[in-house]
N, C-alpha and C. Protein backbone atom coordinates (compact mmCIF):
# COMPACT_ATOMS: atom_id res chain seq x y z
N UNK A 1 -12.71 -45.93 16.19
CA UNK A 1 -11.62 -45.71 15.23
C UNK A 1 -10.35 -46.37 15.76
N UNK A 2 -9.71 -47.20 14.95
CA UNK A 2 -8.52 -47.91 15.38
C UNK A 2 -7.32 -46.98 15.41
N UNK A 3 -6.30 -47.42 16.18
CA UNK A 3 -5.08 -46.61 16.28
C UNK A 3 -4.39 -46.48 14.93
N UNK A 4 -4.46 -47.55 14.12
CA UNK A 4 -3.81 -47.52 12.80
C UNK A 4 -4.49 -46.52 11.87
N UNK A 5 -5.85 -46.43 11.99
CA UNK A 5 -6.59 -45.46 11.18
C UNK A 5 -6.22 -44.04 11.57
N UNK A 6 -6.15 -43.79 12.86
CA UNK A 6 -5.78 -42.46 13.34
C UNK A 6 -4.38 -42.08 12.88
N UNK A 7 -3.46 -43.03 12.93
CA UNK A 7 -2.10 -42.78 12.49
C UNK A 7 -2.05 -42.48 10.99
N UNK A 8 -2.86 -43.21 10.23
CA UNK A 8 -2.90 -43.00 8.78
C UNK A 8 -3.41 -41.60 8.46
N UNK A 9 -4.41 -41.14 9.21
CA UNK A 9 -4.95 -39.80 9.01
C UNK A 9 -3.92 -38.74 9.32
N UNK A 10 -3.16 -38.98 10.39
CA UNK A 10 -2.11 -38.02 10.74
C UNK A 10 -1.05 -37.95 9.66
N UNK A 11 -0.70 -39.11 9.12
CA UNK A 11 0.31 -39.13 8.07
C UNK A 11 -0.18 -38.41 6.81
N UNK A 12 -1.48 -38.60 6.49
CA UNK A 12 -2.03 -37.90 5.34
C UNK A 12 -2.03 -36.39 5.55
N UNK A 13 -2.34 -35.98 6.77
CA UNK A 13 -2.35 -34.55 7.08
C UNK A 13 -0.95 -33.96 6.99
N UNK A 14 0.03 -34.70 7.51
CA UNK A 14 1.43 -34.25 7.43
C UNK A 14 1.86 -34.13 5.97
N UNK A 15 1.47 -35.13 5.18
CA UNK A 15 1.82 -35.13 3.76
C UNK A 15 1.16 -33.96 3.04
N UNK A 16 -0.11 -33.69 3.38
CA UNK A 16 -0.82 -32.58 2.75
C UNK A 16 -0.17 -31.25 3.07
N UNK A 17 0.20 -31.07 4.33
CA UNK A 17 0.85 -29.82 4.75
C UNK A 17 2.20 -29.65 4.08
N UNK A 18 2.92 -30.76 3.91
CA UNK A 18 4.21 -30.68 3.24
C UNK A 18 4.06 -30.26 1.79
N UNK A 19 3.05 -30.82 1.12
CA UNK A 19 2.81 -30.45 -0.29
C UNK A 19 2.42 -28.98 -0.40
N UNK A 20 1.59 -28.51 0.51
CA UNK A 20 1.19 -27.11 0.49
C UNK A 20 2.38 -26.19 0.72
N UNK A 21 3.26 -26.58 1.64
CA UNK A 21 4.44 -25.77 1.91
C UNK A 21 5.39 -25.76 0.71
N UNK A 22 5.51 -26.90 0.05
CA UNK A 22 6.36 -26.97 -1.14
C UNK A 22 5.81 -26.08 -2.25
N UNK A 23 4.48 -26.06 -2.40
CA UNK A 23 3.85 -25.19 -3.39
C UNK A 23 4.10 -23.72 -3.07
N UNK A 24 3.97 -23.37 -1.79
CA UNK A 24 4.17 -21.98 -1.38
C UNK A 24 5.64 -21.57 -1.56
N UNK A 25 6.56 -22.48 -1.25
CA UNK A 25 7.99 -22.19 -1.45
C UNK A 25 8.30 -21.96 -2.92
N UNK A 26 7.71 -22.78 -3.79
CA UNK A 26 7.94 -22.62 -5.23
C UNK A 26 7.32 -21.32 -5.71
N UNK A 27 6.13 -21.03 -5.23
CA UNK A 27 5.48 -19.77 -5.60
C UNK A 27 6.36 -18.59 -5.22
N UNK A 28 6.93 -18.62 -4.03
CA UNK A 28 7.79 -17.54 -3.59
C UNK A 28 9.02 -17.42 -4.47
N UNK A 29 9.62 -18.54 -4.85
CA UNK A 29 10.79 -18.52 -5.73
C UNK A 29 10.44 -17.93 -7.09
N UNK A 30 9.26 -18.29 -7.61
CA UNK A 30 8.82 -17.76 -8.90
C UNK A 30 8.65 -16.24 -8.83
N UNK A 31 7.99 -15.76 -7.79
CA UNK A 31 7.75 -14.33 -7.66
C UNK A 31 9.06 -13.56 -7.47
N UNK A 32 9.95 -14.08 -6.64
CA UNK A 32 11.23 -13.40 -6.41
C UNK A 32 12.04 -13.31 -7.71
N UNK A 33 12.07 -14.41 -8.45
CA UNK A 33 12.83 -14.42 -9.71
C UNK A 33 12.21 -13.47 -10.72
N UNK A 34 10.89 -13.43 -10.78
CA UNK A 34 10.20 -12.56 -11.72
C UNK A 34 10.48 -11.09 -11.43
N UNK A 35 10.40 -10.72 -10.16
CA UNK A 35 10.67 -9.34 -9.78
C UNK A 35 12.07 -8.90 -10.16
N UNK A 36 13.05 -9.75 -9.87
CA UNK A 36 14.44 -9.42 -10.19
C UNK A 36 14.66 -9.29 -11.69
N UNK A 37 14.13 -10.24 -12.45
CA UNK A 37 14.31 -10.22 -13.90
C UNK A 37 13.59 -9.03 -14.53
N UNK A 38 12.44 -8.68 -13.99
CA UNK A 38 11.69 -7.54 -14.54
C UNK A 38 12.50 -6.26 -14.41
N UNK A 39 13.13 -6.06 -13.26
CA UNK A 39 13.93 -4.85 -13.06
C UNK A 39 15.21 -4.88 -13.88
N UNK A 40 15.72 -6.05 -14.17
CA UNK A 40 16.93 -6.18 -14.96
C UNK A 40 16.66 -5.93 -16.45
N UNK A 41 15.53 -6.46 -16.96
CA UNK A 41 15.32 -6.48 -18.40
C UNK A 41 14.07 -5.76 -18.88
N UNK A 42 13.21 -5.33 -17.95
CA UNK A 42 11.99 -4.66 -18.36
C UNK A 42 10.92 -5.65 -18.78
N UNK A 43 9.74 -5.12 -19.06
CA UNK A 43 8.60 -5.98 -19.38
C UNK A 43 8.80 -6.75 -20.68
N UNK A 44 9.25 -6.06 -21.71
CA UNK A 44 9.40 -6.70 -23.02
C UNK A 44 10.46 -7.78 -23.00
N UNK A 45 11.52 -7.58 -22.22
CA UNK A 45 12.60 -8.56 -22.18
C UNK A 45 12.32 -9.75 -21.29
N UNK A 46 11.27 -9.67 -20.50
CA UNK A 46 10.94 -10.74 -19.55
C UNK A 46 10.18 -11.86 -20.25
N UNK A 47 10.54 -13.10 -19.95
CA UNK A 47 9.82 -14.24 -20.52
C UNK A 47 9.65 -15.33 -19.46
N UNK A 48 8.64 -16.16 -19.65
CA UNK A 48 8.41 -17.27 -18.73
C UNK A 48 9.59 -18.24 -18.77
N UNK A 49 10.20 -18.38 -19.94
CA UNK A 49 11.36 -19.28 -20.06
C UNK A 49 12.52 -18.81 -19.19
N UNK A 50 12.78 -17.49 -19.19
CA UNK A 50 13.86 -16.95 -18.38
C UNK A 50 13.59 -17.16 -16.89
N UNK A 51 12.34 -16.96 -16.51
CA UNK A 51 11.98 -17.16 -15.11
C UNK A 51 12.21 -18.61 -14.71
N UNK A 52 11.79 -19.52 -15.60
CA UNK A 52 11.96 -20.95 -15.33
C UNK A 52 13.44 -21.31 -15.19
N UNK A 53 14.26 -20.76 -16.07
CA UNK A 53 15.69 -21.03 -16.00
C UNK A 53 16.29 -20.50 -14.71
N UNK A 54 15.83 -19.35 -14.27
CA UNK A 54 16.37 -18.73 -13.06
C UNK A 54 16.12 -19.60 -11.82
N UNK A 55 14.97 -20.27 -11.77
CA UNK A 55 14.65 -21.08 -10.59
C UNK A 55 14.90 -22.58 -10.80
N UNK A 56 15.30 -22.97 -12.02
CA UNK A 56 15.63 -24.37 -12.26
C UNK A 56 14.43 -25.26 -12.50
N UNK A 57 13.36 -24.70 -13.05
CA UNK A 57 12.17 -25.48 -13.38
C UNK A 57 11.82 -25.26 -14.85
N UNK A 58 10.84 -26.02 -15.32
CA UNK A 58 10.37 -25.83 -16.69
C UNK A 58 9.33 -24.73 -16.73
N UNK A 59 9.15 -24.12 -17.88
CA UNK A 59 8.14 -23.08 -18.04
C UNK A 59 6.74 -23.65 -17.80
N UNK A 60 6.57 -24.93 -18.13
CA UNK A 60 5.28 -25.58 -17.92
C UNK A 60 4.88 -25.53 -16.45
N UNK A 61 5.84 -25.71 -15.57
CA UNK A 61 5.57 -25.67 -14.14
C UNK A 61 5.04 -24.30 -13.73
N UNK A 62 5.63 -23.25 -14.25
CA UNK A 62 5.19 -21.89 -13.91
C UNK A 62 3.78 -21.64 -14.41
N UNK A 63 3.46 -22.17 -15.59
CA UNK A 63 2.12 -21.97 -16.15
C UNK A 63 1.04 -22.67 -15.32
N UNK A 64 1.43 -23.58 -14.47
CA UNK A 64 0.45 -24.20 -13.57
C UNK A 64 -0.04 -23.22 -12.51
N UNK A 65 0.78 -22.21 -12.25
CA UNK A 65 0.46 -21.24 -11.20
C UNK A 65 -0.02 -19.91 -11.76
N UNK A 66 0.52 -19.51 -12.92
CA UNK A 66 0.22 -18.19 -13.46
C UNK A 66 -0.02 -18.27 -14.97
N UNK A 67 -0.95 -17.45 -15.46
CA UNK A 67 -1.33 -17.51 -16.88
C UNK A 67 -0.25 -16.96 -17.81
N UNK A 68 0.39 -15.85 -17.40
CA UNK A 68 1.38 -15.20 -18.24
C UNK A 68 2.22 -14.28 -17.36
N UNK A 69 3.15 -13.57 -17.96
CA UNK A 69 4.05 -12.73 -17.17
C UNK A 69 3.32 -11.55 -16.53
N UNK A 70 2.27 -11.06 -17.18
CA UNK A 70 1.50 -9.98 -16.60
C UNK A 70 0.78 -10.45 -15.34
N UNK A 71 0.27 -11.66 -15.37
CA UNK A 71 -0.38 -12.27 -14.22
C UNK A 71 0.63 -12.43 -13.08
N UNK A 72 1.84 -12.78 -13.44
CA UNK A 72 2.92 -12.92 -12.45
C UNK A 72 3.25 -11.60 -11.78
N UNK A 73 3.41 -10.57 -12.56
CA UNK A 73 3.74 -9.25 -12.02
C UNK A 73 2.61 -8.73 -11.14
N UNK A 74 1.38 -8.98 -11.54
CA UNK A 74 0.24 -8.56 -10.73
C UNK A 74 0.27 -9.27 -9.38
N UNK A 75 0.63 -10.55 -9.39
CA UNK A 75 0.70 -11.31 -8.14
C UNK A 75 1.78 -10.75 -7.21
N UNK A 76 2.91 -10.32 -7.79
CA UNK A 76 3.98 -9.73 -6.98
C UNK A 76 3.50 -8.44 -6.33
N UNK A 77 2.86 -7.60 -7.13
CA UNK A 77 2.37 -6.32 -6.61
C UNK A 77 1.30 -6.55 -5.54
N UNK A 78 0.42 -7.51 -5.78
CA UNK A 78 -0.62 -7.81 -4.81
C UNK A 78 0.00 -8.29 -3.49
N UNK A 79 1.00 -9.15 -3.60
CA UNK A 79 1.69 -9.65 -2.42
C UNK A 79 2.37 -8.50 -1.68
N UNK A 80 2.98 -7.60 -2.44
CA UNK A 80 3.64 -6.44 -1.84
C UNK A 80 2.66 -5.57 -1.09
N UNK A 81 1.48 -5.35 -1.66
CA UNK A 81 0.50 -4.50 -1.00
C UNK A 81 -0.08 -5.15 0.25
N UNK A 82 -0.13 -6.45 0.29
CA UNK A 82 -0.58 -7.13 1.51
C UNK A 82 0.41 -6.85 2.64
N UNK A 83 1.69 -6.94 2.34
CA UNK A 83 2.72 -6.66 3.35
C UNK A 83 2.73 -5.18 3.72
N UNK A 84 2.61 -4.36 2.71
CA UNK A 84 2.61 -2.91 2.91
C UNK A 84 1.44 -2.48 3.79
N UNK A 85 0.27 -3.03 3.50
CA UNK A 85 -0.91 -2.69 4.28
C UNK A 85 -0.77 -3.05 5.75
N UNK A 86 -0.17 -4.19 6.03
CA UNK A 86 0.04 -4.61 7.42
C UNK A 86 0.96 -3.64 8.15
N UNK A 87 1.99 -3.15 7.45
CA UNK A 87 2.91 -2.19 8.07
C UNK A 87 2.20 -0.87 8.37
N UNK A 88 1.33 -0.43 7.46
CA UNK A 88 0.60 0.81 7.68
C UNK A 88 -0.37 0.69 8.85
N UNK A 89 -1.07 -0.43 8.94
CA UNK A 89 -2.00 -0.64 10.05
C UNK A 89 -1.25 -0.65 11.38
N UNK A 90 -0.12 -1.32 11.41
CA UNK A 90 0.70 -1.36 12.62
C UNK A 90 1.14 0.04 13.03
N UNK A 91 1.55 0.85 12.05
CA UNK A 91 2.00 2.22 12.34
C UNK A 91 0.83 3.07 12.84
N UNK A 92 -0.35 2.90 12.22
CA UNK A 92 -1.51 3.70 12.61
C UNK A 92 -1.95 3.40 14.04
N UNK A 93 -1.69 2.18 14.49
CA UNK A 93 -2.10 1.76 15.83
C UNK A 93 -1.06 2.09 16.89
N UNK A 94 0.06 2.69 16.47
CA UNK A 94 1.16 2.92 17.40
C UNK A 94 0.96 4.13 18.30
N UNK A 95 0.02 5.02 17.95
CA UNK A 95 -0.19 6.23 18.75
C UNK A 95 -1.62 6.73 18.59
N UNK A 96 -2.14 7.35 19.65
CA UNK A 96 -3.47 7.96 19.60
C UNK A 96 -3.38 9.43 19.20
N UNK A 97 -2.16 9.98 19.21
CA UNK A 97 -1.98 11.38 18.83
C UNK A 97 -1.98 11.49 17.31
N UNK A 98 -2.86 12.29 16.71
CA UNK A 98 -2.97 12.36 15.25
C UNK A 98 -1.67 12.72 14.54
N UNK A 99 -0.91 13.67 15.09
CA UNK A 99 0.34 14.06 14.43
C UNK A 99 1.39 12.96 14.54
N UNK A 100 1.46 12.31 15.71
CA UNK A 100 2.39 11.20 15.87
C UNK A 100 2.01 10.03 14.97
N UNK A 101 0.69 9.83 14.81
CA UNK A 101 0.22 8.74 13.95
C UNK A 101 0.62 9.00 12.50
N UNK A 102 0.47 10.24 12.03
CA UNK A 102 0.86 10.56 10.66
C UNK A 102 2.37 10.39 10.46
N UNK A 103 3.14 10.81 11.46
CA UNK A 103 4.59 10.65 11.37
C UNK A 103 4.97 9.17 11.30
N UNK A 104 4.28 8.35 12.10
CA UNK A 104 4.55 6.91 12.09
C UNK A 104 4.19 6.28 10.75
N UNK A 105 3.08 6.74 10.17
CA UNK A 105 2.68 6.23 8.85
C UNK A 105 3.69 6.61 7.78
N UNK A 106 4.16 7.85 7.83
CA UNK A 106 5.16 8.29 6.86
C UNK A 106 6.44 7.50 6.98
N UNK A 107 6.87 7.26 8.21
CA UNK A 107 8.09 6.50 8.45
C UNK A 107 7.92 5.05 8.00
N UNK A 108 6.74 4.49 8.27
CA UNK A 108 6.48 3.10 7.87
C UNK A 108 6.51 2.96 6.35
N UNK A 109 5.97 3.94 5.65
CA UNK A 109 5.96 3.94 4.19
C UNK A 109 7.40 3.90 3.66
N UNK A 110 8.21 4.81 4.15
CA UNK A 110 9.60 4.90 3.68
C UNK A 110 10.39 3.65 4.05
N UNK A 111 10.20 3.17 5.27
CA UNK A 111 10.91 1.96 5.70
C UNK A 111 10.57 0.77 4.81
N UNK A 112 9.29 0.66 4.46
CA UNK A 112 8.88 -0.45 3.59
C UNK A 112 9.61 -0.38 2.25
N UNK A 113 9.65 0.81 1.66
CA UNK A 113 10.31 0.96 0.37
C UNK A 113 11.79 0.63 0.42
N UNK A 114 12.46 1.06 1.48
CA UNK A 114 13.90 0.82 1.59
C UNK A 114 14.21 -0.64 1.86
N UNK A 115 13.34 -1.31 2.60
CA UNK A 115 13.56 -2.72 2.91
C UNK A 115 13.12 -3.64 1.77
N UNK A 116 12.23 -3.15 0.93
CA UNK A 116 11.68 -3.98 -0.16
C UNK A 116 11.74 -3.22 -1.49
N UNK A 117 12.93 -2.90 -1.97
CA UNK A 117 13.04 -2.06 -3.18
C UNK A 117 12.43 -2.68 -4.43
N UNK A 118 12.50 -4.01 -4.57
CA UNK A 118 11.90 -4.64 -5.75
C UNK A 118 10.39 -4.50 -5.69
N UNK A 119 9.81 -4.82 -4.55
CA UNK A 119 8.37 -4.62 -4.37
C UNK A 119 8.00 -3.17 -4.68
N UNK A 120 8.74 -2.25 -4.06
CA UNK A 120 8.37 -0.84 -4.17
C UNK A 120 8.41 -0.35 -5.61
N UNK A 121 9.45 -0.71 -6.32
CA UNK A 121 9.57 -0.24 -7.70
C UNK A 121 8.43 -0.79 -8.57
N UNK A 122 8.06 -2.04 -8.34
CA UNK A 122 6.95 -2.61 -9.10
C UNK A 122 5.63 -1.98 -8.69
N UNK A 123 5.44 -1.73 -7.40
CA UNK A 123 4.18 -1.21 -6.89
C UNK A 123 3.93 0.24 -7.27
N UNK A 124 5.00 1.07 -7.19
CA UNK A 124 4.80 2.51 -7.31
C UNK A 124 5.55 3.19 -8.45
N UNK A 125 6.46 2.46 -9.09
CA UNK A 125 7.28 3.12 -10.10
C UNK A 125 7.18 2.45 -11.48
N UNK A 126 7.08 1.12 -11.50
CA UNK A 126 7.08 0.42 -12.78
C UNK A 126 5.68 0.02 -13.25
N UNK A 127 4.84 -0.46 -12.34
CA UNK A 127 3.49 -0.90 -12.71
C UNK A 127 2.46 -0.19 -11.84
N UNK A 128 2.48 1.12 -11.91
CA UNK A 128 1.55 1.95 -11.14
C UNK A 128 0.10 1.67 -11.54
N UNK A 129 -0.08 1.19 -12.77
CA UNK A 129 -1.44 0.91 -13.26
C UNK A 129 -2.14 -0.18 -12.45
N UNK A 130 -1.37 -1.08 -11.83
CA UNK A 130 -1.97 -2.14 -11.03
C UNK A 130 -2.68 -1.61 -9.79
N UNK A 131 -2.32 -0.40 -9.36
CA UNK A 131 -2.91 0.18 -8.16
C UNK A 131 -4.43 0.23 -8.22
N UNK A 132 -4.96 0.44 -9.40
CA UNK A 132 -6.38 0.68 -9.56
C UNK A 132 -7.13 -0.51 -10.16
N UNK A 133 -6.45 -1.65 -10.20
CA UNK A 133 -7.01 -2.82 -10.87
C UNK A 133 -7.33 -3.92 -9.87
N UNK A 134 -8.38 -4.68 -10.14
CA UNK A 134 -8.69 -5.88 -9.35
C UNK A 134 -8.97 -7.00 -10.33
N UNK A 135 -8.59 -8.23 -9.96
CA UNK A 135 -8.74 -9.35 -10.89
C UNK A 135 -9.56 -10.50 -10.31
N UNK A 136 -10.19 -10.27 -9.21
CA UNK A 136 -11.07 -11.27 -8.61
C UNK A 136 -12.33 -10.58 -8.14
N UNK A 137 -13.40 -11.32 -8.10
CA UNK A 137 -14.71 -10.73 -7.79
C UNK A 137 -14.70 -10.00 -6.46
N UNK A 138 -14.04 -10.56 -5.44
CA UNK A 138 -14.07 -9.98 -4.11
C UNK A 138 -12.80 -9.20 -3.77
N UNK A 139 -11.93 -9.03 -4.73
CA UNK A 139 -10.67 -8.35 -4.48
C UNK A 139 -10.83 -6.84 -4.68
N UNK A 140 -10.44 -6.09 -3.67
CA UNK A 140 -10.50 -4.63 -3.77
C UNK A 140 -9.26 -4.12 -4.49
N UNK A 141 -9.36 -3.00 -5.21
CA UNK A 141 -8.17 -2.41 -5.84
C UNK A 141 -7.10 -2.13 -4.79
N UNK A 142 -5.84 -2.25 -5.17
CA UNK A 142 -4.76 -2.11 -4.21
C UNK A 142 -4.63 -0.69 -3.66
N UNK A 143 -5.15 0.27 -4.38
CA UNK A 143 -5.13 1.65 -3.91
C UNK A 143 -5.90 1.78 -2.58
N UNK A 144 -6.79 0.82 -2.30
CA UNK A 144 -7.60 0.86 -1.08
C UNK A 144 -6.74 0.74 0.18
N UNK A 145 -5.51 0.27 0.04
CA UNK A 145 -4.63 0.17 1.22
C UNK A 145 -4.35 1.55 1.81
N UNK A 146 -4.52 2.60 1.01
CA UNK A 146 -4.27 3.96 1.50
C UNK A 146 -5.42 4.50 2.33
N UNK A 147 -6.45 3.67 2.51
CA UNK A 147 -7.55 4.07 3.39
C UNK A 147 -7.04 4.28 4.82
N UNK A 148 -5.97 3.58 5.17
CA UNK A 148 -5.38 3.72 6.51
C UNK A 148 -4.88 5.15 6.71
N UNK A 149 -4.19 5.69 5.70
CA UNK A 149 -3.69 7.06 5.78
C UNK A 149 -4.84 8.06 5.79
N UNK A 150 -5.78 7.88 4.89
CA UNK A 150 -6.89 8.83 4.82
C UNK A 150 -7.72 8.82 6.11
N UNK A 151 -7.87 7.66 6.71
CA UNK A 151 -8.61 7.57 7.97
C UNK A 151 -7.88 8.33 9.07
N UNK A 152 -6.55 8.23 9.09
CA UNK A 152 -5.76 8.95 10.09
C UNK A 152 -5.91 10.46 9.91
N UNK A 153 -5.94 10.90 8.66
CA UNK A 153 -6.12 12.32 8.38
C UNK A 153 -7.52 12.77 8.82
N UNK A 154 -8.51 12.00 8.50
CA UNK A 154 -9.89 12.34 8.88
C UNK A 154 -10.04 12.41 10.40
N UNK A 155 -9.44 11.47 11.11
CA UNK A 155 -9.53 11.46 12.57
C UNK A 155 -8.86 12.70 13.16
N UNK A 156 -7.73 13.10 12.56
CA UNK A 156 -7.04 14.30 13.03
C UNK A 156 -7.88 15.55 12.82
N UNK A 157 -8.56 15.61 11.69
CA UNK A 157 -9.43 16.76 11.41
C UNK A 157 -10.63 16.78 12.35
N UNK A 158 -11.22 15.62 12.58
CA UNK A 158 -12.38 15.54 13.46
C UNK A 158 -12.02 15.90 14.90
N UNK A 159 -10.78 15.59 15.29
CA UNK A 159 -10.33 15.90 16.65
C UNK A 159 -9.94 17.37 16.80
N UNK A 160 -9.89 18.11 15.68
CA UNK A 160 -9.52 19.52 15.72
C UNK A 160 -8.03 19.76 15.82
N UNK A 161 -7.25 18.68 15.63
CA UNK A 161 -5.79 18.80 15.70
C UNK A 161 -5.22 19.21 14.34
N UNK A 162 -5.79 18.67 13.28
CA UNK A 162 -5.35 19.00 11.93
C UNK A 162 -6.33 19.99 11.31
N UNK A 163 -5.79 20.89 10.49
CA UNK A 163 -6.65 21.89 9.85
C UNK A 163 -7.67 21.22 8.94
N UNK A 164 -8.85 21.83 8.87
CA UNK A 164 -9.92 21.27 8.07
C UNK A 164 -9.60 21.36 6.58
N UNK A 165 -10.07 20.38 5.85
CA UNK A 165 -9.86 20.35 4.41
C UNK A 165 -10.37 19.03 3.86
N UNK A 166 -10.08 18.78 2.61
CA UNK A 166 -10.48 17.52 1.99
C UNK A 166 -9.49 16.42 2.40
N UNK A 167 -9.92 15.39 3.13
CA UNK A 167 -9.00 14.36 3.61
C UNK A 167 -8.26 13.64 2.49
N UNK A 168 -8.97 13.42 1.37
CA UNK A 168 -8.32 12.71 0.27
C UNK A 168 -7.18 13.53 -0.33
N UNK A 169 -7.42 14.82 -0.56
CA UNK A 169 -6.38 15.69 -1.12
C UNK A 169 -5.20 15.79 -0.16
N UNK A 170 -5.49 15.96 1.11
CA UNK A 170 -4.42 16.03 2.12
C UNK A 170 -3.60 14.75 2.13
N UNK A 171 -4.28 13.62 2.04
CA UNK A 171 -3.59 12.33 2.04
C UNK A 171 -2.69 12.17 0.82
N UNK A 172 -3.15 12.65 -0.33
CA UNK A 172 -2.36 12.57 -1.55
C UNK A 172 -1.08 13.41 -1.43
N UNK A 173 -1.20 14.57 -0.79
CA UNK A 173 -0.02 15.43 -0.59
C UNK A 173 1.00 14.72 0.31
N UNK A 174 0.53 14.13 1.40
CA UNK A 174 1.43 13.40 2.30
C UNK A 174 2.08 12.24 1.55
N UNK A 175 1.27 11.51 0.79
CA UNK A 175 1.78 10.39 0.00
C UNK A 175 2.86 10.88 -0.97
N UNK A 176 2.63 11.99 -1.61
CA UNK A 176 3.60 12.52 -2.58
C UNK A 176 4.94 12.82 -1.94
N UNK A 177 4.91 13.35 -0.73
CA UNK A 177 6.15 13.70 -0.04
C UNK A 177 6.96 12.44 0.31
N UNK A 178 6.31 11.46 0.93
CA UNK A 178 7.05 10.27 1.34
C UNK A 178 7.45 9.42 0.13
N UNK A 179 6.63 9.46 -0.92
CA UNK A 179 7.00 8.74 -2.15
C UNK A 179 8.25 9.37 -2.76
N UNK A 180 8.32 10.69 -2.74
CA UNK A 180 9.50 11.36 -3.29
C UNK A 180 10.77 10.97 -2.58
N UNK A 181 10.73 10.94 -1.27
CA UNK A 181 11.91 10.56 -0.49
C UNK A 181 12.29 9.11 -0.77
N UNK A 182 11.29 8.23 -0.78
CA UNK A 182 11.55 6.81 -1.00
C UNK A 182 12.13 6.56 -2.38
N UNK A 183 11.55 7.19 -3.39
CA UNK A 183 12.03 7.00 -4.77
C UNK A 183 13.46 7.50 -4.94
N UNK A 184 13.77 8.65 -4.34
CA UNK A 184 15.13 9.18 -4.41
C UNK A 184 16.12 8.24 -3.72
N UNK A 185 15.71 7.70 -2.59
CA UNK A 185 16.59 6.81 -1.84
C UNK A 185 16.89 5.53 -2.62
N UNK A 186 15.85 5.00 -3.30
CA UNK A 186 16.04 3.77 -4.07
C UNK A 186 16.85 4.03 -5.34
N UNK A 187 16.51 5.10 -6.04
CA UNK A 187 17.18 5.40 -7.31
C UNK A 187 18.56 6.02 -7.13
N UNK A 188 18.73 6.76 -6.03
CA UNK A 188 19.97 7.50 -5.84
C UNK A 188 21.15 6.69 -5.36
N UNK A 189 20.88 5.53 -4.75
CA UNK A 189 21.98 4.70 -4.26
C UNK A 189 22.83 5.43 -3.24
N UNK A 190 24.15 5.43 -3.44
CA UNK A 190 25.07 6.05 -2.50
C UNK A 190 24.96 7.58 -2.48
N UNK A 191 24.38 8.15 -3.52
CA UNK A 191 24.24 9.60 -3.56
C UNK A 191 23.19 10.10 -2.56
N UNK A 192 22.37 9.19 -2.08
CA UNK A 192 21.34 9.54 -1.10
C UNK A 192 21.45 8.51 0.01
N UNK A 193 22.42 8.73 0.91
CA UNK A 193 22.75 7.71 1.90
C UNK A 193 21.74 7.63 3.04
N UNK A 194 21.97 6.68 3.95
CA UNK A 194 21.03 6.42 5.03
C UNK A 194 20.83 7.63 5.93
N UNK A 195 21.91 8.35 6.18
CA UNK A 195 21.80 9.53 7.04
C UNK A 195 20.94 10.61 6.38
N UNK A 196 21.13 10.79 5.08
CA UNK A 196 20.32 11.78 4.35
C UNK A 196 18.84 11.37 4.33
N UNK A 197 18.60 10.07 4.17
CA UNK A 197 17.22 9.59 4.19
C UNK A 197 16.59 9.83 5.55
N UNK A 198 17.33 9.51 6.60
CA UNK A 198 16.81 9.69 7.96
C UNK A 198 16.50 11.14 8.26
N UNK A 199 17.44 12.04 7.94
CA UNK A 199 17.24 13.45 8.22
C UNK A 199 16.14 14.06 7.34
N UNK A 200 16.10 13.64 6.09
CA UNK A 200 15.05 14.14 5.18
C UNK A 200 13.67 13.69 5.66
N UNK A 201 13.60 12.46 6.13
CA UNK A 201 12.32 11.94 6.63
C UNK A 201 11.87 12.71 7.86
N UNK A 202 12.77 12.94 8.79
CA UNK A 202 12.42 13.69 10.00
C UNK A 202 11.94 15.10 9.66
N UNK A 203 12.66 15.76 8.74
CA UNK A 203 12.27 17.12 8.36
C UNK A 203 10.93 17.12 7.64
N UNK A 204 10.73 16.18 6.74
CA UNK A 204 9.48 16.11 5.98
C UNK A 204 8.30 15.88 6.92
N UNK A 205 8.46 14.97 7.87
CA UNK A 205 7.37 14.67 8.80
C UNK A 205 7.08 15.89 9.70
N UNK A 206 8.13 16.61 10.07
CA UNK A 206 7.92 17.82 10.89
C UNK A 206 7.21 18.90 10.07
N UNK A 207 7.62 19.05 8.81
CA UNK A 207 6.97 20.06 7.95
C UNK A 207 5.50 19.70 7.71
N UNK A 208 5.23 18.41 7.50
CA UNK A 208 3.85 18.00 7.28
C UNK A 208 3.02 18.25 8.53
N UNK A 209 3.58 17.87 9.70
CA UNK A 209 2.86 18.06 10.96
C UNK A 209 2.57 19.54 11.24
N UNK A 210 3.57 20.37 11.04
CA UNK A 210 3.39 21.80 11.29
C UNK A 210 2.46 22.45 10.28
N UNK A 211 2.59 22.00 9.02
CA UNK A 211 1.75 22.58 7.97
C UNK A 211 0.29 22.21 8.10
N UNK A 212 0.02 21.06 8.67
CA UNK A 212 -1.36 20.60 8.81
C UNK A 212 -1.98 20.97 10.16
N UNK A 213 -1.17 21.51 11.05
CA UNK A 213 -1.67 21.80 12.39
C UNK A 213 -2.77 22.84 12.33
N UNK A 214 -3.84 22.57 13.08
CA UNK A 214 -4.96 23.53 13.12
C UNK A 214 -4.52 24.80 13.79
N UNK A 215 -4.95 25.95 13.25
CA UNK A 215 -4.55 27.25 13.79
C UNK A 215 -5.59 27.74 14.80
């Protein structure tokens, strides 16, 4: 293989990577604009034309990536759950103590919502129906990301640290508590400040830990 051929291959590879990065950057701009517009105007008020205007492209360009606005919103929620799942796994791996692990999971849940309010509102408040839906043959429903929490509960019960019960029901109760705090923090604005969120989270995690402790 000549040096010129090798150089040409490298240039093609560089060009290919640049095109892929440009596509990913545009995809990110489309999703960010869609999320913001959805929260501003709701589902009925959202249009592909508005999204295109927001990012400075034609609607035709957006249709190359997504079929319609519902497909776009599903992609945002799916992307959010990928990030969310990684945070939960990281929290679950932070401690071998079952109660500390549950506290870390609860904190990770709330932190994700506060850092990503657009994602959170679409995932858990505006398009909750997407949680149980899959649109590809090998894609699991997004609700499956909560397997991390249920596994932590099951491990605590098996270790005799948490009181025995149905792991799924227990997980739903924990989810309900942290969802309530997160939703209040996002919707309440200044009425539910950072200090209140922090103290409420600490109290909630302590109540959950004490309430679930095996007797």
